[in-house]
Amino acid sequence: MTPPAAAAQSPFNPATDRVGRVLCFAAHPDDIDFGAAGTIAAWTAAGVQVSYCIMTDGDAGGFDPAHRAEIISLRAAEQRRAAEMVGVTDIYYLHERDGYLEPTHEVMKGVVKLIREIRPDVVLAMHPERNWNRLQKSHPDHLAVGEAVTRAVYPAVENPFAYPELAAAGLEAYKLPWLWLYAGPEERENHFVDVTDHVPAKLDAIHVHVSQHPDVKAMEAAVRSGMTVNARRAGMAEGRSAEAFHVVAVNGPATIAGF
């Protein structure tokens, strides 16, 4: 089956574009697992070093009033176990308040700092544009992640005079090759990853977040259905599963400084 035009528009070629390190940004514990755990499992299985940065502690999540005092530590433990299931042990937190995240310069500087430290080939983040077809994908914190990371990626990460205190601490400017965005509008998605072999790991990771899913059966059905739809959109064979991204080339052979 021939892939539709949307799938052919991705600037990223898995056969030629190297991925050795990936840094993933999310608003809350469990966001990454829903959006990209299958792709992450495929990366780590191939030897890619993947790190997570969760911007809030997820302190407004959950459904049980009895767990309010321990929700932060509970969700951190859930995220740690979920990450391990897809081969990730490197997790950072910005400790912003759940529901109050904004793309401030303090947040952006934290993003720039991590990117300059890790110097990844791919930064993966939530999409800054609202999805009107499924508003639940577009929690305000999700949009804030996308906006903060996109602003940080260009120009701050590669500008040696942005946040000069970082350069003074030895964190030199860095030209990021790729920005991958997830949980955005379907019309923006231009890259599909076949995650069929990693669906069990993805679902296992999502199931770890028990504090967030009162209807586990419905949640799993929705996740499976979404991956099946993505695979069809990409023109993959029937029975395959895929995750979808909006891939943006930030710096490449054709990039000229400043524009």
Protein backbone atom coordinates (compact mmCIF):
# COMPACT_ATOMS: atom_id res chain seq x y z
CA MET A 1 0.00 0.00 0.00
CA THR A 2 1.33 3.45 -0.89
CA PRO A 3 1.66 5.79 2.10
CA PRO A 4 -0.55 8.89 1.97
CA ALA A 5 0.97 12.28 1.26
CA ALA A 6 1.14 13.19 4.96
CA ALA A 7 3.48 10.30 5.71
CA ALA A 8 5.77 11.20 2.80
CA GLN A 9 6.34 14.76 4.01
CA SER A 10 8.55 13.88 6.96
CA PRO A 11 12.04 15.36 6.61
CA PHE A 12 13.43 12.56 8.79
CA ASN A 13 14.82 9.47 7.05
CA PRO A 14 15.39 6.58 9.51
CA ALA A 15 17.76 4.94 7.03
CA THR A 16 20.19 7.86 6.96
CA ASP A 17 19.48 10.22 9.88
CA ARG A 18 21.44 9.23 12.96
CA VAL A 19 19.81 9.09 16.41
CA GLY A 20 22.17 8.40 19.29
CA ARG A 21 20.67 10.50 22.08
CA VAL A 22 17.10 11.68 22.67
CA LEU A 23 15.73 14.09 25.27
CA CYS A 24 11.95 13.89 25.88
CA PHE A 25 9.86 16.62 27.49
CA ALA A 26 6.40 16.18 29.01
CA ALA A 27 4.10 18.10 31.30
CA HIS A 28 3.09 15.28 33.68
CA PRO A 29 4.14 11.76 34.61
CA ASP A 30 2.45 9.42 32.09
CA ASP A 31 2.32 11.91 29.16
CA ILE A 32 5.37 10.40 27.48
CA ASP A 33 4.04 6.87 27.88
CA PHE A 34 0.80 7.69 26.09
CA GLY A 35 2.47 9.72 23.36
CA ALA A 36 5.72 7.98 22.55
CA ALA A 37 6.59 4.95 24.71
CA GLY A 38 6.53 2.58 21.74
CA THR A 39 8.99 4.70 19.78
CA ILE A 40 11.15 5.13 22.87
CA ALA A 41 11.20 1.36 23.44
CA ALA A 42 12.34 0.91 19.83
CA TRP A 43 15.07 3.50 20.30
CA THR A 44 16.43 2.02 23.52
CA ALA A 45 16.33 -1.50 22.03
CA ALA A 46 18.57 -0.14 19.27
CA GLY A 47 21.04 1.31 21.78
CA VAL A 48 19.80 4.92 21.78
CA GLN A 49 20.29 6.84 25.04
CA VAL A 50 16.93 8.36 26.05
CA SER A 51 16.34 10.86 28.87
CA TYR A 52 13.09 12.26 30.22
CA CYS A 53 12.29 15.70 31.59
CA ILE A 54 8.91 16.00 33.33
CA MET A 55 8.10 19.67 33.85
CA THR A 56 5.55 19.35 36.67
CA ASP A 57 5.24 16.95 39.56
CA GLY A 58 1.72 15.92 38.55
CA ASP A 59 0.42 17.17 41.89
CA ALA A 60 -3.08 17.90 40.53
CA GLY A 61 -3.53 14.43 39.04
CA GLY A 62 -5.29 11.36 40.34
CA PHE A 63 -8.81 10.62 41.50
CA ASP A 64 -8.55 9.46 45.12
CA PRO A 65 -8.81 12.28 47.71
CA ALA A 66 -7.04 10.04 50.21
CA HIS A 67 -3.81 10.18 48.15
CA ARG A 68 -3.39 13.95 47.98
CA ALA A 69 -0.56 14.13 50.50
CA GLU A 70 1.47 11.48 48.69
CA ILE A 71 0.49 12.12 45.07
CA ILE A 72 3.83 13.68 44.08
CA SER A 73 5.94 10.80 45.40
CA LEU A 74 3.42 8.27 44.07
CA ARG A 75 3.50 9.67 40.55
CA ALA A 76 7.28 9.97 40.56
CA ALA A 77 7.52 6.28 41.51
CA GLU A 78 5.04 5.36 38.78
CA GLN A 79 7.01 7.30 36.18
CA ARG A 80 10.28 5.71 37.25
CA ARG A 81 8.85 2.19 36.90
CA ALA A 82 7.14 3.01 33.61
CA ALA A 83 10.34 4.46 32.18
CA GLU A 84 12.30 1.37 33.13
CA MET A 85 9.84 -0.77 31.15
CA VAL A 86 10.90 0.99 27.95
CA GLY A 87 14.60 1.14 28.79
CA VAL A 88 14.86 4.62 30.34
CA THR A 89 16.44 5.38 33.72
CA ASP A 90 17.49 9.03 33.25
CA ILE A 91 14.64 11.28 34.48
CA TYR A 92 14.72 14.98 35.33
CA TYR A 93 11.99 17.19 36.86
CA LEU A 94 11.54 20.95 36.67
CA HIS A 95 9.11 20.79 39.64
CA GLU A 96 6.61 23.29 38.23
CA ARG A 97 3.10 23.24 39.69
CA ASP A 98 0.62 21.00 37.87
CA GLY A 99 -1.95 23.14 36.05
CA TYR A 100 0.12 26.32 36.31
CA LEU A 101 2.85 25.64 33.77
CA GLU A 102 3.73 28.57 31.51
CA PRO A 103 6.52 29.10 28.93
CA THR A 104 8.37 31.52 31.18
CA HIS A 105 12.04 32.36 30.85
CA GLU A 106 12.71 30.36 34.00
CA VAL A 107 11.19 27.27 32.38
CA MET A 108 12.87 27.97 29.05
CA LYS A 109 16.25 28.35 30.72
CA GLY A 110 15.76 24.97 32.39
CA VAL A 111 15.02 23.46 28.98
CA VAL A 112 18.06 25.11 27.39
CA LYS A 113 20.25 23.93 30.25
CA LEU A 114 19.21 20.29 29.80
CA ILE A 115 19.53 20.34 26.03
CA ARG A 116 23.01 21.84 26.24
CA GLU A 117 24.01 19.29 28.87
CA ILE A 118 22.71 16.22 27.01
CA ARG A 119 23.23 17.52 23.43
CA PRO A 120 20.69 15.15 21.90
CA ASP A 121 20.12 14.37 18.25
CA VAL A 122 16.36 14.55 18.84
CA VAL A 123 14.32 16.62 21.27
CA LEU A 124 10.86 15.13 21.65
CA ALA A 125 8.16 17.33 23.18
CA MET A 126 4.44 17.88 23.38
CA HIS A 127 2.92 19.95 20.59
CA PRO A 128 2.34 23.68 21.14
CA GLU A 129 -0.81 23.73 18.97
CA ARG A 130 -4.27 22.84 20.26
CA ASN A 131 -6.04 19.76 18.91
CA TRP A 132 -9.68 20.76 18.42
CA ASN A 133 -10.70 17.22 17.45
CA ARG A 134 -9.70 15.86 20.86
CA LEU A 135 -9.32 18.65 23.37
CA GLN A 136 -8.07 16.28 26.09
CA LYS A 137 -4.79 16.07 24.17
CA SER A 138 -4.36 19.81 24.64
CA HIS A 139 -4.21 20.30 28.39
CA PRO A 140 -2.85 23.84 28.96
CA ASP A 141 0.28 22.35 30.52
CA HIS A 142 0.83 20.27 27.35
CA LEU A 143 0.66 23.38 25.19
CA ALA A 144 3.03 25.19 27.56
CA VAL A 145 5.58 22.37 27.21
CA GLY A 146 5.45 22.64 23.44
CA GLU A 147 5.77 26.42 23.46
CA ALA A 148 8.59 26.49 26.01
CA VAL A 149 10.58 23.78 24.24
CA THR A 150 10.06 25.26 20.77
CA ARG A 151 11.15 28.70 21.95
CA ALA A 152 14.16 27.18 23.69
CA VAL A 153 15.20 25.08 20.69
CA TYR A 154 15.39 28.19 18.53
CA PRO A 155 17.08 30.47 19.11
CA ALA A 156 18.16 30.12 22.74
CA VAL A 157 19.86 26.70 22.66
CA GLU A 158 22.10 27.69 19.77
CA ASN A 159 22.63 31.33 20.71
CA PRO A 160 25.79 31.67 22.83
CA PHE A 161 24.52 34.99 24.20
CA ALA A 162 21.14 33.67 25.41
CA TYR A 163 21.08 32.98 29.15
CA PRO A 164 24.77 33.91 29.46
CA GLU A 165 24.97 32.38 32.92
CA LEU A 166 24.68 28.95 31.27
CA ALA A 167 27.63 29.63 28.99
CA ALA A 168 29.57 30.95 31.99
CA ALA A 169 28.92 27.59 33.67
CA GLY A 170 30.45 25.77 30.70
CA LEU A 171 27.24 24.91 28.84
CA GLU A 172 28.10 25.94 25.30
CA ALA A 173 25.57 26.71 22.58
CA TYR A 174 24.36 23.70 20.63
CA LYS A 175 22.66 23.30 17.25
CA LEU A 176 19.91 20.73 17.65
CA PRO A 177 19.27 18.61 14.53
CA TRP A 178 15.66 17.47 15.12
CA LEU A 179 12.50 18.44 17.00
CA TRP A 180 9.80 15.76 17.23
CA LEU A 181 6.39 16.87 18.56
CA TYR A 182 3.64 14.58 19.84
CA ALA A 183 0.01 14.95 21.02
CA GLY A 184 -0.73 17.62 18.45
CA PRO A 185 -3.27 18.16 15.68
CA GLU A 186 -3.53 15.26 13.23
CA GLU A 187 -3.06 17.60 10.28
CA ARG A 188 0.43 18.46 11.54
CA GLU A 189 1.60 14.85 11.88
CA ASN A 190 4.06 13.95 9.15
CA HIS A 191 6.04 11.03 10.58
CA PHE A 192 4.84 7.60 11.69
CA VAL A 193 6.86 5.01 13.59
CA ASP A 194 5.90 1.33 13.40
CA VAL A 195 5.79 0.26 17.06
CA THR A 196 4.03 -3.08 16.57
CA ASP A 197 6.81 -5.01 18.29
CA HIS A 198 6.76 -2.64 21.26
CA VAL A 199 3.03 -2.35 21.96
CA PRO A 200 3.25 -4.66 25.02
CA ALA A 201 6.01 -2.52 26.55
CA LYS A 202 4.06 0.67 25.87
CA LEU A 203 0.90 -0.72 27.46
CA ASP A 204 2.84 -2.06 30.43
CA ALA A 205 4.32 1.40 30.96
CA ILE A 206 0.90 3.05 30.79
CA HIS A 207 -0.60 0.48 33.17
CA VAL A 208 1.98 1.44 35.80
CA HIS A 209 0.26 4.82 36.21
CA VAL A 210 -2.57 3.26 38.20
CA SER A 211 -3.30 6.49 40.07
CA GLN A 212 -4.44 8.10 36.80
CA HIS A 213 -6.67 5.48 35.16
CA PRO A 214 -9.99 4.62 36.85
CA ASP A 215 -11.18 2.74 33.74
CA VAL A 216 -8.20 0.65 32.65
CA LYS A 217 -10.11 -1.39 30.06
CA ALA A 218 -11.40 1.68 28.23
CA MET A 219 -8.00 3.34 28.40
CA GLU A 220 -6.23 0.36 26.82
CA ALA A 221 -8.86 0.03 24.10
CA ALA A 222 -8.46 3.70 23.20
CA VAL A 223 -4.66 3.43 23.06
CA ARG A 224 -4.75 0.33 20.86
CA SER A 225 -7.32 1.91 18.55
CA GLY A 226 -5.27 5.07 18.19
CA MET A 227 -2.15 3.15 17.20
CA THR A 228 -4.14 1.12 14.65
CA VAL A 229 -5.54 4.30 13.10
CA ASN A 230 -2.05 5.82 12.94
CA ALA A 231 -0.74 2.77 11.10
CA ARG A 232 -3.55 3.00 8.55
CA ARG A 233 -2.91 6.69 8.05
CA ALA A 234 0.75 5.85 7.34
CA GLY A 235 -0.18 3.19 4.80
CA MET A 236 1.18 0.32 6.89
CA ALA A 237 -0.10 -3.23 6.51
CA GLU A 238 -3.30 -4.20 8.33
CA GLY A 239 -2.58 -5.30 11.88
CA ARG A 240 0.33 -2.90 12.45
CA SER A 241 0.50 -0.24 15.16
CA ALA A 242 2.12 3.17 14.92
CA GLU A 243 2.82 6.36 16.82
CA ALA A 244 2.53 9.72 15.03
CA PHE A 245 4.71 12.82 15.27
CA HIS A 246 5.20 16.24 13.76
CA VAL A 247 8.90 16.16 12.86
CA VAL A 248 10.71 19.45 12.29
CA ALA A 249 14.26 19.73 10.95
CA VAL A 250 15.95 22.41 13.07
CA ASN A 251 19.54 22.29 11.84
CA GLY A 252 20.82 20.40 8.82
CA PRO A 253 23.09 20.74 5.81
CA ALA A 254 20.89 23.49 4.32
CA THR A 255 20.60 25.55 7.52
CA ILE A 256 22.12 29.02 7.43
CA ALA A 257 22.90 30.82 10.71
CA GLY A 258 20.13 33.19 11.66
CA PHE A 259 17.46 32.05 9.20
